[in-house]
N, C-alpha and C. Protein backbone atom coordinates (compact mmCIF):
# COMPACT_ATOMS: atom_id res chain seq x y z
N MET A 1 -14.76 16.56 18.50
CA MET A 1 -14.75 15.41 17.73
C MET A 1 -13.73 14.56 18.78
N PRO A 2 -14.09 13.23 18.97
CA PRO A 2 -13.29 12.43 19.59
C PRO A 2 -12.15 12.23 18.88
N LYS A 3 -10.85 12.11 19.72
CA LYS A 3 -9.49 11.54 19.37
C LYS A 3 -9.98 10.15 18.80
N GLY A 4 -8.72 9.48 18.03
CA GLY A 4 -8.47 8.37 17.53
C GLY A 4 -7.21 7.60 18.30
N TYR A 5 -7.01 6.31 18.39
CA TYR A 5 -5.98 5.85 19.01
C TYR A 5 -5.63 4.88 18.39
N LEU A 6 -4.33 4.54 17.73
CA LEU A 6 -3.73 3.17 17.54
C LEU A 6 -3.08 2.54 18.77
N ILE A 7 -3.58 1.42 18.97
CA ILE A 7 -2.85 0.29 19.93
C ILE A 7 -2.14 -0.76 19.31
N ALA A 8 -1.06 -0.71 19.67
CA ALA A 8 -0.19 -1.95 19.02
C ALA A 8 0.56 -2.99 19.93
N GLN A 9 0.35 -4.23 19.75
CA GLN A 9 1.18 -5.20 20.70
C GLN A 9 1.77 -5.83 19.62
N THR A 10 2.98 -5.99 20.27
CA THR A 10 4.50 -6.08 19.49
C THR A 10 4.89 -7.40 20.17
N VAL A 11 5.74 -8.06 19.24
CA VAL A 11 6.91 -8.81 19.95
C VAL A 11 7.93 -8.69 18.76
N VAL A 12 9.03 -8.41 19.28
CA VAL A 12 10.05 -7.86 18.24
C VAL A 12 11.05 -9.06 18.06
N THR A 13 11.47 -9.27 17.00
CA THR A 13 12.60 -10.65 16.93
C THR A 13 13.81 -9.87 16.33
N ASP A 14 13.82 -8.86 15.52
CA ASP A 14 15.02 -8.30 15.14
C ASP A 14 14.96 -6.94 15.39
N PRO A 15 15.57 -6.45 16.62
CA PRO A 15 15.40 -5.05 17.09
C PRO A 15 15.83 -3.99 16.17
N GLU A 16 17.04 -4.65 15.23
CA GLU A 16 17.51 -3.64 14.38
C GLU A 16 16.84 -3.18 12.97
N ALA A 17 16.23 -4.31 12.38
CA ALA A 17 15.30 -3.73 11.63
C ALA A 17 13.95 -3.31 12.19
N TRP A 18 13.62 -3.55 13.60
CA TRP A 18 12.68 -2.52 13.87
C TRP A 18 12.92 -1.33 14.31
N GLY A 19 13.66 -0.84 14.35
CA GLY A 19 14.42 0.46 14.61
C GLY A 19 14.05 1.15 13.31
N ARG A 20 14.45 0.60 12.17
CA ARG A 20 14.54 1.20 10.84
C ARG A 20 13.21 1.48 10.50
N TYR A 21 12.23 0.11 10.87
CA TYR A 21 10.53 0.67 10.70
C TYR A 21 10.36 1.52 11.53
N VAL A 22 10.57 1.86 12.96
CA VAL A 22 10.33 2.89 13.87
C VAL A 22 10.66 4.29 13.26
N GLU A 23 12.06 4.38 12.86
CA GLU A 23 12.34 5.56 12.06
C GLU A 23 11.38 6.37 10.71
N LYS A 24 11.15 5.30 10.01
CA LYS A 24 10.49 5.12 8.84
C LYS A 24 9.01 5.67 8.95
N THR A 25 8.38 5.26 10.20
CA THR A 25 7.07 5.71 10.47
C THR A 25 7.02 7.38 10.92
N LYS A 26 8.02 8.10 11.28
CA LYS A 26 8.15 9.30 11.50
C LYS A 26 7.24 10.21 10.69
N PRO A 27 7.46 10.23 9.31
CA PRO A 27 6.67 10.91 8.32
C PRO A 27 5.20 10.86 8.47
N ALA A 28 4.85 9.50 8.36
CA ALA A 28 3.59 9.48 8.48
C ALA A 28 2.83 10.07 9.61
N LEU A 29 3.36 9.37 10.72
CA LEU A 29 2.80 10.29 12.02
C LEU A 29 2.73 11.52 11.94
N ALA A 30 4.03 12.20 11.53
CA ALA A 30 3.68 13.95 11.36
C ALA A 30 2.77 14.42 10.21
N LYS A 31 2.21 13.57 9.25
CA LYS A 31 1.21 13.81 8.46
C LYS A 31 0.03 13.82 8.99
N PHE A 32 -0.21 12.66 9.67
CA PHE A 32 -1.38 12.93 10.29
C PHE A 32 -1.66 12.94 11.83
N GLY A 33 -0.80 13.57 12.41
CA GLY A 33 -0.68 14.25 13.98
C GLY A 33 -0.59 13.43 14.73
N GLY A 34 0.11 12.42 14.41
CA GLY A 34 0.35 11.19 15.39
C GLY A 34 0.97 11.83 16.82
N ILE A 35 0.76 11.41 17.99
CA ILE A 35 1.47 11.40 19.18
C ILE A 35 1.82 10.37 19.88
N PRO A 36 2.86 9.61 20.18
CA PRO A 36 3.40 8.52 21.03
C PRO A 36 2.70 8.86 22.13
N ILE A 37 1.88 8.07 23.27
CA ILE A 37 1.47 8.62 24.39
C ILE A 37 2.14 7.48 25.50
N ALA A 38 2.31 6.19 24.65
CA ALA A 38 3.08 5.12 25.54
C ALA A 38 3.61 4.02 24.36
N ARG A 39 4.94 4.10 24.85
CA ARG A 39 5.81 3.05 23.69
C ARG A 39 6.63 2.30 24.31
N GLY A 40 6.66 0.79 24.65
CA GLY A 40 7.42 0.05 25.05
C GLY A 40 7.48 0.12 26.50
N GLY A 41 6.91 1.01 27.16
CA GLY A 41 7.69 0.94 28.81
C GLY A 41 7.11 0.04 29.46
N ARG A 42 7.26 0.01 30.80
CA ARG A 42 6.97 -0.98 31.61
C ARG A 42 5.70 -1.41 31.78
N CYS A 43 5.14 -2.75 31.45
CA CYS A 43 3.82 -3.32 31.66
C CYS A 43 3.61 -4.70 32.30
N GLU A 44 2.54 -5.00 32.75
CA GLU A 44 2.03 -5.95 33.44
C GLU A 44 0.89 -6.61 33.03
N ILE A 45 0.78 -7.75 33.03
CA ILE A 45 -0.63 -8.46 32.03
C ILE A 45 -1.07 -8.98 33.46
N PRO A 46 -2.18 -8.39 34.01
CA PRO A 46 -2.87 -8.99 34.93
C PRO A 46 -3.97 -9.82 34.60
N GLU A 47 -4.43 -9.94 33.18
CA GLU A 47 -5.35 -10.91 32.80
C GLU A 47 -5.35 -11.19 31.43
N GLY A 48 -5.66 -12.16 30.90
CA GLY A 48 -5.28 -12.82 29.38
C GLY A 48 -3.83 -12.82 28.86
N ASN A 49 -3.97 -13.17 27.54
CA ASN A 49 -2.64 -12.99 27.03
C ASN A 49 -2.51 -11.78 26.31
N GLY A 50 -1.18 -11.16 26.71
CA GLY A 50 -0.72 -9.88 26.25
C GLY A 50 0.50 -10.12 25.65
N PHE A 51 1.20 -8.67 25.39
CA PHE A 51 2.31 -8.58 24.85
C PHE A 51 3.36 -7.78 25.80
N SER A 52 4.74 -8.19 25.53
CA SER A 52 5.28 -7.21 26.41
C SER A 52 5.62 -6.04 25.90
N ARG A 53 5.23 -5.86 24.73
CA ARG A 53 5.56 -4.30 24.25
C ARG A 53 4.53 -3.44 23.77
N ASN A 54 4.05 -2.47 24.13
CA ASN A 54 2.87 -2.09 23.96
C ASN A 54 2.89 -0.56 23.35
N VAL A 55 2.38 -0.33 22.49
CA VAL A 55 2.37 1.25 21.95
C VAL A 55 1.01 1.88 21.73
N ILE A 56 0.57 3.16 22.16
CA ILE A 56 -0.63 3.70 21.93
C ILE A 56 0.07 5.24 21.54
N ILE A 57 -0.75 5.61 20.17
CA ILE A 57 -0.37 6.57 19.50
C ILE A 57 -1.71 7.35 19.55
N GLU A 58 -1.89 8.65 20.06
CA GLU A 58 -2.88 9.66 19.85
C GLU A 58 -3.03 10.35 18.71
N PHE A 59 -4.03 10.35 17.86
CA PHE A 59 -4.47 11.12 16.63
C PHE A 59 -5.88 11.96 16.71
N PRO A 60 -5.47 13.39 16.19
CA PRO A 60 -6.53 14.05 16.11
C PRO A 60 -8.04 13.75 16.10
N SER A 61 -7.78 12.63 15.56
CA SER A 61 -9.36 12.09 15.14
C SER A 61 -9.34 10.37 14.67
N TYR A 62 -10.35 9.64 14.65
CA TYR A 62 -10.51 8.30 14.35
C TYR A 62 -10.11 8.45 12.78
N GLU A 63 -10.41 9.37 11.89
CA GLU A 63 -10.21 9.43 10.35
C GLU A 63 -8.51 9.40 10.68
N ALA A 64 -8.00 10.15 11.16
CA ALA A 64 -6.54 10.45 11.23
C ALA A 64 -5.92 9.06 11.38
N ALA A 65 -6.24 8.55 12.44
CA ALA A 65 -5.76 7.30 12.85
C ALA A 65 -5.79 6.60 11.83
N LEU A 66 -7.20 6.13 11.50
CA LEU A 66 -7.22 5.14 10.12
C LEU A 66 -6.58 5.71 8.64
N GLY A 67 -6.54 7.43 8.47
CA GLY A 67 -5.38 7.54 7.45
C GLY A 67 -4.19 7.19 7.54
N TYR A 68 -3.57 7.24 9.15
CA TYR A 68 -2.23 6.82 9.21
C TYR A 68 -2.04 5.25 8.69
N ALA A 69 -3.01 4.54 9.09
CA ALA A 69 -2.56 3.09 9.23
C ALA A 69 -2.59 2.83 7.75
N ARG A 70 -3.41 3.20 6.71
CA ARG A 70 -3.90 3.09 5.47
C ARG A 70 -2.94 3.82 4.87
N SER A 71 -2.12 4.71 5.16
CA SER A 71 -1.17 5.69 4.14
C SER A 71 -0.04 4.82 3.66
N PRO A 72 0.37 5.49 2.15
CA PRO A 72 1.42 4.82 1.32
C PRO A 72 2.91 5.25 2.44
N GLU A 73 2.74 6.48 3.12
CA GLU A 73 3.99 6.39 3.98
C GLU A 73 4.06 5.51 5.06
N TYR A 74 3.23 5.11 5.56
CA TYR A 74 3.07 4.24 6.62
C TYR A 74 2.97 2.66 6.04
N ALA A 75 2.62 2.54 4.70
CA ALA A 75 3.16 1.10 3.73
C ALA A 75 4.19 0.90 3.70
N ASP A 76 5.07 1.90 3.16
CA ASP A 76 6.59 2.12 3.06
C ASP A 76 7.23 1.40 4.31
N ALA A 77 6.88 1.81 5.37
CA ALA A 77 7.33 1.63 7.12
C ALA A 77 7.13 -0.06 7.15
N LYS A 78 6.04 -0.20 6.98
CA LYS A 78 5.62 -1.63 7.60
C LYS A 78 6.41 -2.62 6.56
N ALA A 79 6.74 -2.34 5.36
CA ALA A 79 7.73 -3.06 4.52
C ALA A 79 8.54 -3.43 5.37
N LEU A 80 9.30 -2.58 6.04
CA LEU A 80 10.76 -2.68 6.69
C LEU A 80 10.26 -3.77 8.18
N ARG A 81 9.22 -3.78 8.45
CA ARG A 81 8.70 -4.49 9.67
C ARG A 81 8.17 -5.98 9.55
N GLN A 82 8.33 -6.39 8.65
CA GLN A 82 7.42 -7.57 8.03
C GLN A 82 8.43 -8.89 8.59
N ASP A 83 9.42 -8.87 8.69
CA ASP A 83 10.48 -9.82 9.18
C ASP A 83 11.13 -9.68 10.61
N ALA A 84 10.77 -8.40 11.27
CA ALA A 84 11.11 -8.31 12.26
C ALA A 84 10.58 -8.35 13.64
N GLY A 85 9.28 -8.82 13.81
CA GLY A 85 8.24 -8.93 14.67
C GLY A 85 7.06 -9.34 14.24
N ILE A 86 6.15 -9.21 15.14
CA ILE A 86 4.95 -9.26 14.84
C ILE A 86 4.00 -8.42 15.75
N MET A 87 3.06 -8.00 15.40
CA MET A 87 2.10 -6.90 15.52
C MET A 87 0.40 -7.11 15.59
N ASN A 88 -0.05 -6.96 16.45
CA ASN A 88 -1.38 -6.87 16.31
C ASN A 88 -1.73 -5.08 16.36
N MET A 89 -2.46 -4.55 15.69
CA MET A 89 -2.99 -3.30 15.48
C MET A 89 -4.31 -3.21 15.71
N THR A 90 -4.79 -1.98 16.48
CA THR A 90 -6.21 -1.68 16.37
C THR A 90 -6.40 -0.42 16.65
N ILE A 91 -7.35 0.26 15.73
CA ILE A 91 -7.60 1.63 15.65
C ILE A 91 -9.02 2.02 16.54
N VAL A 92 -9.01 2.69 17.46
CA VAL A 92 -10.37 2.86 18.19
C VAL A 92 -10.68 4.38 18.52
N GLU A 93 -11.78 4.43 18.54
CA GLU A 93 -12.31 6.10 18.42
C GLU A 93 -12.22 6.43 20.08
N GLY A 94 -11.74 7.67 20.52
CA GLY A 94 -11.93 7.87 21.91
C GLY A 94 -13.20 8.38 22.09
N ILE A 95 -13.21 8.75 23.80
CA ILE A 95 -14.67 9.23 24.04
C ILE A 95 -14.69 10.57 24.61
């Protein structure tokens, strides 16, 4: 079964509130088997309009990634993030 990946591109405007959001995501990540494989490290945007902070989280399956993004646990975390920055989030199926 192909793995699932959550790709998030973000602009953080309130680092303190964003930190609370990140902490609150941990129970949902554990529940759905999410493993961060990239989280805000160095990046370069060689083409197009990118974001300076990028996150990639690997899940055991596409369905698990969707489950995480749609879960009540993640919704609780998301509520903390609303005024702390902007985010584009995409769920993709691996090959």
